[in-house]
Amino acid sequence: KKDWFGLGLVIILGSIVISFFKPAFISPFNLYVLMLSVSLMLVVAMSQMIIIAIGQMNLSVGAIGGLVAISFTGLMEVYDLSIFLAIFIGLGIGVICGFINGYITVKTGISAFIITLATLYIFKGMNLGITEAQPFYDIPESVKYFGNAKFGPIPYLIVIPLIITFLMWFLMNRTTLGRYMLAYGNNIQSSELMGISSTRIVVYAHIISGLLASIGGMLVVCRLQLGTPNIGDSWLLPSFAAPVIGGAILAGGKVDVIATAFGVI
């Protein structure tokens, strides 16, 4: 009855079969690499999933992540800001980008597909304008350490995505806002008749999406140990694929956080 059950079964059986033919599949190093890859895409998938929940699309997820990534690294390299201040500003940029997407979508009535397609190029243009297509290399050692340290085969980097996944599950299943988002995605007219504010729901969803995209961008910086202007360029298709594999309906009203996580895997 749950969307995640079949996916979980595929993951378990697939892992057993692959490890039977290729024992190196379950080696500590390979598990470490797999968890790193999953942890980064998990945040990206959640960023898109919350927009799908309200029946919209965010094509600018990767552009927001890339803009925050180079802002995060540039602030530390060029202006010598502390790590925590750079993180705070990076999160703020993600929230502002998400707010712009949501507010313009609501106030113009234009499809979020069109709005975020436009902002994708705006944010990407800002990225290239700031960096002049050149990476930032001077990253603090503690950031590099966090992106590559591990406890056994478990990377430190996976901790934040796991916390985000739990918070997203709590949001969508245990809060009024999450229920309102699903109700809005399922039927806009009915939700409005029940007193749900379209403006509030759409703007909040895009803000959360922008916030998660910004976290994803900074996690990639930790992993790569540099801020490169092409961060986020390849996020678009996986961001849609994971929620859909997890049973999400693009028309809105139905998403599953656990199934989306399994979709990433």
C-alpha atoms as a PDB file:
ATOM      1  CA  LYS A   1       0.000   0.000   0.000  1.00  0.00           C
ATOM      2  CA  LYS A   2       3.012   2.276   0.337  1.00  0.00           C
ATOM      3  CA  ASP A   3       4.877   3.709  -2.657  1.00  0.00           C
ATOM      4  CA  TRP A   4       8.221   3.077  -1.006  1.00  0.00           C
ATOM      5  CA  PHE A   5       7.750  -0.662  -0.374  1.00  0.00           C
ATOM      6  CA  GLY A   6       8.284  -1.823  -3.962  1.00  0.00           C
ATOM      7  CA  LEU A   7      11.269   0.487  -4.385  1.00  0.00           C
ATOM      8  CA  GLY A   8      12.795  -0.766  -1.140  1.00  0.00           C
ATOM      9  CA  LEU A   9      12.385  -4.330  -2.338  1.00  0.00           C
ATOM     10  CA  VAL A  10      14.083  -3.520  -5.652  1.00  0.00           C
ATOM     11  CA  ILE A  11      16.980  -1.847  -3.833  1.00  0.00           C
ATOM     12  CA  ILE A  12      17.497  -4.808  -1.481  1.00  0.00           C
ATOM     13  CA  LEU A  13      17.191  -7.520  -4.151  1.00  0.00           C
ATOM     14  CA  GLY A  14      19.252  -5.508  -6.626  1.00  0.00           C
ATOM     15  CA  SER A  15      22.034  -5.020  -4.095  1.00  0.00           C
ATOM     16  CA  ILE A  16      22.085  -8.731  -3.271  1.00  0.00           C
ATOM     17  CA  VAL A  17      22.262  -9.741  -6.943  1.00  0.00           C
ATOM     18  CA  ILE A  18      24.956  -7.197  -7.827  1.00  0.00           C
ATOM     19  CA  SER A  19      27.075  -8.054  -4.796  1.00  0.00           C
ATOM     20  CA  PHE A  20      26.801 -11.757  -5.708  1.00  0.00           C
ATOM     21  CA  PHE A  21      28.374 -11.158  -9.115  1.00  0.00           C
ATOM     22  CA  LYS A  22      30.585  -8.252  -8.011  1.00  0.00           C
ATOM     23  CA  PRO A  23      31.587  -8.555  -4.332  1.00  0.00           C
ATOM     24  CA  ALA A  24      33.352  -5.168  -4.580  1.00  0.00           C
ATOM     25  CA  PHE A  25      29.904  -3.570  -4.737  1.00  0.00           C
ATOM     26  CA  ILE A  26      29.552  -3.862  -0.957  1.00  0.00           C
ATOM     27  CA  SER A  27      33.140  -2.886  -0.201  1.00  0.00           C
ATOM     28  CA  PRO A  28      33.484  -0.005   2.293  1.00  0.00           C
ATOM     29  CA  PHE A  29      34.896   2.315  -0.379  1.00  0.00           C
ATOM     30  CA  ASN A  30      32.086   1.661  -2.854  1.00  0.00           C
ATOM     31  CA  LEU A  31      29.440   2.107  -0.155  1.00  0.00           C
ATOM     32  CA  TYR A  32      31.117   5.394   0.763  1.00  0.00           C
ATOM     33  CA  VAL A  33      30.976   6.614  -2.843  1.00  0.00           C
ATOM     34  CA  LEU A  34      27.340   5.518  -3.208  1.00  0.00           C
ATOM     35  CA  MET A  35      26.286   7.297  -0.027  1.00  0.00           C
ATOM     36  CA  LEU A  36      28.074  10.472  -1.114  1.00  0.00           C
ATOM     37  CA  SER A  37      26.245  10.480  -4.427  1.00  0.00           C
ATOM     38  CA  VAL A  38      22.899   9.722  -2.795  1.00  0.00           C
ATOM     39  CA  SER A  39      23.340  12.368  -0.099  1.00  0.00           C
ATOM     40  CA  LEU A  40      23.887  15.185  -2.600  1.00  0.00           C
ATOM     41  CA  MET A  41      20.986  14.235  -4.874  1.00  0.00           C
ATOM     42  CA  LEU A  42      18.677  13.631  -1.920  1.00  0.00           C
ATOM     43  CA  VAL A  43      18.570  17.347  -1.110  1.00  0.00           C
ATOM     44  CA  VAL A  44      18.032  18.239  -4.770  1.00  0.00           C
ATOM     45  CA  ALA A  45      15.146  15.756  -5.085  1.00  0.00           C
ATOM     46  CA  MET A  46      13.460  17.138  -1.959  1.00  0.00           C
ATOM     47  CA  SER A  47      13.798  20.642  -3.368  1.00  0.00           C
ATOM     48  CA  GLN A  48      11.824  19.642  -6.467  1.00  0.00           C
ATOM     49  CA  MET A  49       9.437  17.315  -4.631  1.00  0.00           C
ATOM     50  CA  ILE A  50       7.864  20.073  -2.566  1.00  0.00           C
ATOM     51  CA  ILE A  51       7.083  22.039  -5.737  1.00  0.00           C
ATOM     52  CA  ILE A  52       5.600  18.954  -7.391  1.00  0.00           C
ATOM     53  CA  ALA A  53       3.393  18.568  -4.294  1.00  0.00           C
ATOM     54  CA  ILE A  54       1.597  21.815  -5.195  1.00  0.00           C
ATOM     55  CA  GLY A  55       1.330  20.832  -8.866  1.00  0.00           C
ATOM     56  CA  GLN A  56       4.082  23.112 -10.163  1.00  0.00           C
ATOM     57  CA  MET A  57       7.659  22.799 -11.442  1.00  0.00           C
ATOM     58  CA  ASN A  58      10.871  24.556 -10.484  1.00  0.00           C
ATOM     59  CA  LEU A  59      13.281  24.539 -13.407  1.00  0.00           C
ATOM     60  CA  SER A  60      15.656  26.871 -11.565  1.00  0.00           C
ATOM     61  CA  VAL A  61      16.631  24.415  -8.804  1.00  0.00           C
ATOM     62  CA  GLY A  62      20.102  23.870 -10.263  1.00  0.00           C
ATOM     63  CA  ALA A  63      20.617  27.561 -11.033  1.00  0.00           C
ATOM     64  CA  ILE A  64      19.784  28.510  -7.433  1.00  0.00           C
ATOM     65  CA  GLY A  65      22.135  25.835  -6.105  1.00  0.00           C
ATOM     66  CA  GLY A  66      24.901  27.016  -8.432  1.00  0.00           C
ATOM     67  CA  LEU A  67      24.434  30.681  -7.547  1.00  0.00           C
ATOM     68  CA  VAL A  68      24.551  29.921  -3.825  1.00  0.00           C
ATOM     69  CA  ALA A  69      27.568  27.636  -4.277  1.00  0.00           C
ATOM     70  CA  ILE A  70      29.707  30.296  -5.924  1.00  0.00           C
ATOM     71  CA  SER A  71      28.397  32.984  -3.543  1.00  0.00           C
ATOM     72  CA  PHE A  72      29.311  30.789  -0.575  1.00  0.00           C
ATOM     73  CA  THR A  73      32.846  30.185  -1.839  1.00  0.00           C
ATOM     74  CA  GLY A  74      33.339  33.703  -3.182  1.00  0.00           C
ATOM     75  CA  LEU A  75      32.396  35.308   0.120  1.00  0.00           C
ATOM     76  CA  MET A  76      35.010  33.216   1.927  1.00  0.00           C
ATOM     77  CA  GLU A  77      37.749  33.677  -0.689  1.00  0.00           C
ATOM     78  CA  VAL A  78      37.284  37.291  -1.816  1.00  0.00           C
ATOM     79  CA  TYR A  79      35.846  38.899   1.331  1.00  0.00           C
ATOM     80  CA  ASP A  80      37.380  36.517   3.873  1.00  0.00           C
ATOM     81  CA  LEU A  81      34.098  35.987   5.691  1.00  0.00           C
ATOM     82  CA  SER A  82      33.729  33.268   8.320  1.00  0.00           C
ATOM     83  CA  ILE A  83      32.231  29.930   7.302  1.00  0.00           C
ATOM     84  CA  PHE A  84      29.072  30.407   9.352  1.00  0.00           C
ATOM     85  CA  LEU A  85      28.415  33.896   8.007  1.00  0.00           C
ATOM     86  CA  ALA A  86      28.945  32.660   4.443  1.00  0.00           C
ATOM     87  CA  ILE A  87      26.508  29.788   5.109  1.00  0.00           C
ATOM     88  CA  PHE A  88      23.935  32.184   6.530  1.00  0.00           C
ATOM     89  CA  ILE A  89      24.185  34.496   3.515  1.00  0.00           C
ATOM     90  CA  GLY A  90      24.039  31.504   1.171  1.00  0.00           C
ATOM     91  CA  LEU A  91      20.833  30.284   2.804  1.00  0.00           C
ATOM     92  CA  GLY A  92      19.446  33.812   2.567  1.00  0.00           C
ATOM     93  CA  ILE A  93      20.170  33.929  -1.163  1.00  0.00           C
ATOM     94  CA  GLY A  94      18.340  30.617  -1.632  1.00  0.00           C
ATOM     95  CA  VAL A  95      15.316  31.903   0.304  1.00  0.00           C
ATOM     96  CA  ILE A  96      15.234  35.135  -1.722  1.00  0.00           C
ATOM     97  CA  CYS A  97      15.474  33.255  -5.027  1.00  0.00           C
ATOM     98  CA  GLY A  98      12.656  30.942  -3.943  1.00  0.00           C
ATOM     99  CA  PHE A  99      10.539  33.899  -2.822  1.00  0.00           C
ATOM    100  CA  ILE A 100      11.037  35.595  -6.199  1.00  0.00           C
ATOM    101  CA  ASN A 101       9.897  32.437  -8.010  1.00  0.00           C
ATOM    102  CA  GLY A 102       6.809  32.002  -5.835  1.00  0.00           C
ATOM    103  CA  TYR A 103       5.785  35.659  -5.628  1.00  0.00           C
ATOM    104  CA  ILE A 104       6.011  36.302  -9.370  1.00  0.00           C
ATOM    105  CA  THR A 105       4.139  33.062 -10.095  1.00  0.00           C
ATOM    106  CA  VAL A 106       1.281  34.031  -7.793  1.00  0.00           C
ATOM    107  CA  LYS A 107       1.031  37.707  -8.737  1.00  0.00           C
ATOM    108  CA  THR A 108       1.251  37.240 -12.520  1.00  0.00           C
ATOM    109  CA  GLY A 109      -0.752  34.014 -12.792  1.00  0.00           C
ATOM    110  CA  ILE A 110       1.844  32.764 -15.264  1.00  0.00           C
ATOM    111  CA  SER A 111       2.795  29.086 -15.028  1.00  0.00           C
ATOM    112  CA  ALA A 112       5.677  28.354 -12.657  1.00  0.00           C
ATOM    113  CA  PHE A 113       7.228  26.428 -15.558  1.00  0.00           C
ATOM    114  CA  ILE A 114       7.639  29.695 -17.499  1.00  0.00           C
ATOM    115  CA  ILE A 115       8.629  31.803 -14.488  1.00  0.00           C
ATOM    116  CA  THR A 116      11.314  29.388 -13.295  1.00  0.00           C
ATOM    117  CA  LEU A 117      12.568  28.887 -16.856  1.00  0.00           C
ATOM    118  CA  ALA A 118      13.177  32.649 -16.954  1.00  0.00           C
ATOM    119  CA  THR A 119      14.750  32.839 -13.500  1.00  0.00           C
ATOM    120  CA  LEU A 120      16.932  29.839 -14.371  1.00  0.00           C
ATOM    121  CA  TYR A 121      18.730  31.993 -16.940  1.00  0.00           C
ATOM    122  CA  ILE A 122      18.730  35.041 -14.675  1.00  0.00           C
ATOM    123  CA  PHE A 123      20.342  33.164 -11.770  1.00  0.00           C
ATOM    124  CA  LYS A 124      22.754  31.377 -14.115  1.00  0.00           C
ATOM    125  CA  GLY A 125      23.675  34.699 -15.699  1.00  0.00           C
ATOM    126  CA  MET A 126      24.393  36.154 -12.259  1.00  0.00           C
ATOM    127  CA  ASN A 127      26.532  33.097 -11.538  1.00  0.00           C
ATOM    128  CA  LEU A 128      28.643  33.605 -14.669  1.00  0.00           C
ATOM    129  CA  GLY A 129      28.779  37.363 -14.110  1.00  0.00           C
ATOM    130  CA  ILE A 130      30.178  36.929 -10.602  1.00  0.00           C
ATOM    131  CA  THR A 131      32.684  34.198 -11.448  1.00  0.00           C
ATOM    132  CA  GLU A 132      33.526  35.201 -15.049  1.00  0.00           C
ATOM    133  CA  ALA A 133      33.364  31.419 -15.612  1.00  0.00           C
ATOM    134  CA  GLN A 134      36.324  30.874 -13.267  1.00  0.00           C
ATOM    135  CA  PRO A 135      36.196  28.638 -10.147  1.00  0.00           C
ATOM    136  CA  PHE A 136      36.915  29.733  -6.583  1.00  0.00           C
ATOM    137  CA  TYR A 137      39.619  27.524  -5.107  1.00  0.00           C
ATOM    138  CA  ASP A 138      40.454  29.016  -1.708  1.00  0.00           C
ATOM    139  CA  ILE A 139      38.144  26.960   0.503  1.00  0.00           C
ATOM    140  CA  PRO A 140      38.750  26.643   4.281  1.00  0.00           C
ATOM    141  CA  GLU A 141      40.214  23.319   5.361  1.00  0.00           C
ATOM    142  CA  SER A 142      37.310  22.597   7.705  1.00  0.00           C
ATOM    143  CA  VAL A 143      34.890  22.797   4.746  1.00  0.00           C
ATOM    144  CA  LYS A 144      37.069  20.421   2.733  1.00  0.00           C
ATOM    145  CA  TYR A 145      37.334  18.070   5.688  1.00  0.00           C
ATOM    146  CA  PHE A 146      33.574  17.938   6.217  1.00  0.00           C
ATOM    147  CA  GLY A 147      33.008  17.133   2.549  1.00  0.00           C
ATOM    148  CA  ASN A 148      35.394  14.187   2.501  1.00  0.00           C
ATOM    149  CA  ALA A 149      35.615  12.848   6.066  1.00  0.00           C
ATOM    150  CA  LYS A 150      33.954   9.581   6.952  1.00  0.00           C
ATOM    151  CA  PHE A 151      33.203   7.268   9.856  1.00  0.00           C
ATOM    152  CA  GLY A 152      33.925   3.819   8.486  1.00  0.00           C
ATOM    153  CA  PRO A 153      32.103   3.793   5.131  1.00  0.00           C
ATOM    154  CA  ILE A 154      29.642   6.499   6.265  1.00  0.00           C
ATOM    155  CA  PRO A 155      30.483  10.020   5.020  1.00  0.00           C
ATOM    156  CA  TYR A 156      29.900  12.963   7.327  1.00  0.00           C
ATOM    157  CA  LEU A 157      28.223  14.678   4.373  1.00  0.00           C
ATOM    158  CA  ILE A 158      25.199  12.379   4.552  1.00  0.00           C
ATOM    159  CA  VAL A 159      24.164  13.640   7.999  1.00  0.00           C
ATOM    160  CA  ILE A 160      22.595  16.886   6.747  1.00  0.00           C
ATOM    161  CA  PRO A 161      20.581  15.240   3.917  1.00  0.00           C
ATOM    162  CA  LEU A 162      19.244  12.641   6.376  1.00  0.00           C
ATOM    163  CA  ILE A 163      18.124  15.392   8.755  1.00  0.00           C
ATOM    164  CA  ILE A 164      16.497  17.239   5.844  1.00  0.00           C
ATOM    165  CA  THR A 165      14.689  14.060   4.750  1.00  0.00           C
ATOM    166  CA  PHE A 166      13.279  13.581   8.241  1.00  0.00           C
ATOM    167  CA  LEU A 167      12.193  17.226   8.446  1.00  0.00           C
ATOM    168  CA  MET A 168      10.536  16.986   5.030  1.00  0.00           C
ATOM    169  CA  TRP A 169       8.707  13.829   6.093  1.00  0.00           C
ATOM    170  CA  PHE A 170       7.521  15.623   9.215  1.00  0.00           C
ATOM    171  CA  LEU A 171       6.468  18.668   7.193  1.00  0.00           C
ATOM    172  CA  MET A 172       4.441  16.713   4.638  1.00  0.00           C
ATOM    173  CA  ASN A 173       2.858  14.241   7.067  1.00  0.00           C
ATOM    174  CA  ARG A 174       2.554  15.965  10.418  1.00  0.00           C
ATOM    175  CA  THR A 175       2.034  19.679   9.821  1.00  0.00           C
ATOM    176  CA  THR A 176      -0.855  21.826   8.656  1.00  0.00           C
ATOM    177  CA  LEU A 177       1.327  23.496   6.014  1.00  0.00           C
ATOM    178  CA  GLY A 178       2.239  20.136   4.466  1.00  0.00           C
ATOM    179  CA  ARG A 179      -1.406  19.053   4.366  1.00  0.00           C
ATOM    180  CA  TYR A 180      -2.407  22.366   2.816  1.00  0.00           C
ATOM    181  CA  MET A 181       0.244  21.974   0.113  1.00  0.00           C
ATOM    182  CA  LEU A 182      -1.078  18.540  -0.832  1.00  0.00           C
ATOM    183  CA  ALA A 183      -4.672  19.815  -0.763  1.00  0.00           C
ATOM    184  CA  TYR A 184      -3.713  22.745  -2.990  1.00  0.00           C
ATOM    185  CA  GLY A 185      -1.895  20.473  -5.431  1.00  0.00           C
ATOM    186  CA  ASN A 186      -4.821  18.072  -5.541  1.00  0.00           C
ATOM    187  CA  ASN A 187      -7.473  20.697  -6.300  1.00  0.00           C
ATOM    188  CA  ILE A 188      -6.797  24.434  -6.267  1.00  0.00           C
ATOM    189  CA  GLN A 189     -10.435  25.510  -6.347  1.00  0.00           C
ATOM    190  CA  SER A 190     -11.486  23.202  -3.523  1.00  0.00           C
ATOM    191  CA  SER A 191      -8.559  24.253  -1.355  1.00  0.00           C
ATOM    192  CA  GLU A 192      -9.411  27.927  -1.829  1.00  0.00           C
ATOM    193  CA  LEU A 193     -13.037  27.256  -0.897  1.00  0.00           C
ATOM    194  CA  MET A 194     -11.744  25.664   2.318  1.00  0.00           C
ATOM    195  CA  GLY A 195      -9.922  28.893   3.122  1.00  0.00           C
ATOM    196  CA  ILE A 196      -6.392  27.870   2.094  1.00  0.00           C
ATOM    197  CA  SER A 197      -4.402  30.870   0.850  1.00  0.00           C
ATOM    198  CA  SER A 198      -2.993  30.199  -2.624  1.00  0.00           C
ATOM    199  CA  THR A 199      -0.424  32.961  -2.231  1.00  0.00           C
ATOM    200  CA  ARG A 200       0.852  31.632   1.084  1.00  0.00           C
ATOM    201  CA  ILE A 201       1.093  28.028  -0.081  1.00  0.00           C
ATOM    202  CA  VAL A 202       2.857  28.742  -3.377  1.00  0.00           C
ATOM    203  CA  VAL A 203       5.314  31.237  -1.897  1.00  0.00           C
ATOM    204  CA  TYR A 204       6.157  28.986   1.061  1.00  0.00           C
ATOM    205  CA  ALA A 205       6.714  25.988  -1.216  1.00  0.00           C
ATOM    206  CA  HIS A 206       9.099  27.942  -3.444  1.00  0.00           C
ATOM    207  CA  ILE A 207      10.941  29.399  -0.452  1.00  0.00           C
ATOM    208  CA  ILE A 208      11.516  25.907   0.975  1.00  0.00           C
ATOM    209  CA  SER A 209      12.591  24.708  -2.475  1.00  0.00           C
ATOM    210  CA  GLY A 210      15.092  27.559  -2.774  1.00  0.00           C
ATOM    211  CA  LEU A 211      16.385  26.909   0.732  1.00  0.00           C
ATOM    212  CA  LEU A 212      16.987  23.223  -0.011  1.00  0.00           C
ATOM    213  CA  ALA A 213      18.633  24.024  -3.351  1.00  0.00           C
ATOM    214  CA  SER A 214      21.004  26.397  -1.545  1.00  0.00           C
ATOM    215  CA  ILE A 215      21.945  23.680   0.946  1.00  0.00           C
ATOM    216  CA  GLY A 216      22.558  21.293  -1.947  1.00  0.00           C
ATOM    217  CA  GLY A 217      24.855  23.814  -3.623  1.00  0.00           C
ATOM    218  CA  MET A 218      26.936  24.297  -0.497  1.00  0.00           C
ATOM    219  CA  LEU A 219      27.186  20.539   0.087  1.00  0.00           C
ATOM    220  CA  VAL A 220      28.560  20.123  -3.439  1.00  0.00           C
ATOM    221  CA  VAL A 221      31.196  22.764  -2.645  1.00  0.00           C
ATOM    222  CA  CYS A 222      32.197  20.753   0.435  1.00  0.00           C
ATOM    223  CA  ARG A 223      32.494  17.626  -1.682  1.00  0.00           C
ATOM    224  CA  LEU A 224      34.365  19.155  -4.641  1.00  0.00           C
ATOM    225  CA  GLN A 225      36.527  21.403  -2.442  1.00  0.00           C
ATOM    226  CA  LEU A 226      35.974  24.323  -4.805  1.00  0.00           C
ATOM    227  CA  GLY A 227      33.215  26.561  -6.102  1.00  0.00           C
ATOM    228  CA  THR A 228      32.795  26.048  -9.829  1.00  0.00           C
ATOM    229  CA  PRO A 229      30.191  27.884 -11.963  1.00  0.00           C
ATOM    230  CA  ASN A 230      28.793  24.649 -13.433  1.00  0.00           C
ATOM    231  CA  ILE A 231      27.481  23.366 -10.088  1.00  0.00           C
ATOM    232  CA  GLY A 232      23.795  22.559 -10.480  1.00  0.00           C
ATOM    233  CA  ASP A 233      23.826  22.310 -14.281  1.00  0.00           C
ATOM    234  CA  SER A 234      22.973  18.592 -14.222  1.00  0.00           C
ATOM    235  CA  TRP A 235      20.357  18.685 -11.444  1.00  0.00           C
ATOM    236  CA  LEU A 236      17.183  19.239 -13.451  1.00  0.00           C
ATOM    237  CA  LEU A 237      16.398  15.737 -14.722  1.00  0.00           C
ATOM    238  CA  PRO A 238      17.347  13.854 -11.510  1.00  0.00           C
ATOM    239  CA  SER A 239      15.337  16.344  -9.448  1.00  0.00           C
ATOM    240  CA  PHE A 240      12.201  15.310 -11.337  1.00  0.00           C
ATOM    241  CA  ALA A 241      13.107  11.651 -11.789  1.00  0.00           C
ATOM    242  CA  ALA A 242      13.455  10.750  -8.100  1.00  0.00           C
ATOM    243  CA  PRO A 243      10.032  12.033  -6.942  1.00  0.00           C
ATOM    244  CA  VAL A 244       8.303  10.525  -9.993  1.00  0.00           C
ATOM    245  CA  ILE A 245      10.008   7.164  -9.445  1.00  0.00           C
ATOM    246  CA  GLY A 246       8.757   7.509  -5.872  1.00  0.00           C
ATOM    247  CA  GLY A 247       5.159   7.754  -7.079  1.00  0.00           C
ATOM    248  CA  ALA A 248       4.708  11.525  -7.169  1.00  0.00           C
ATOM    249  CA  ILE A 249       2.100  12.875  -9.574  1.00  0.00           C
ATOM    250  CA  LEU A 250       3.311  15.865 -11.587  1.00  0.00           C
ATOM    251  CA  ALA A 251      -0.200  17.333 -11.525  1.00  0.00           C
ATOM    252  CA  GLY A 252       0.245  17.701  -7.744  1.00  0.00           C
ATOM    253  CA  GLY A 253      -1.411  16.468  -4.585  1.00  0.00           C
ATOM    254  CA  LYS A 254       0.608  13.275  -4.132  1.00  0.00           C
ATOM    255  CA  VAL A 255       4.230  12.903  -3.037  1.00  0.00           C
ATOM    256  CA  ASP A 256       6.027  10.497  -0.720  1.00  0.00           C
ATOM    257  CA  VAL A 257       9.217  11.598   1.023  1.00  0.00           C
ATOM    258  CA  ILE A 258      10.514   8.087   1.786  1.00  0.00           C
ATOM    259  CA  ALA A 259       9.699   6.860  -1.721  1.00  0.00           C
ATOM    260  CA  THR A 260      11.491   9.909  -3.163  1.00  0.00           C
ATOM    261  CA  ALA A 261      14.572   9.031  -1.097  1.00  0.00           C
ATOM    262  CA  PHE A 262      14.408   5.460  -2.424  1.00  0.00           C
ATOM    263  CA  GLY A 263      13.962   6.919  -5.918  1.00  0.00           C
ATOM    264  CA  VAL A 264      17.276   8.740  -5.501  1.00  0.00           C
ATOM    265  CA  ILE A 265      18.985   5.509  -4.465  1.00  0.00           C
END
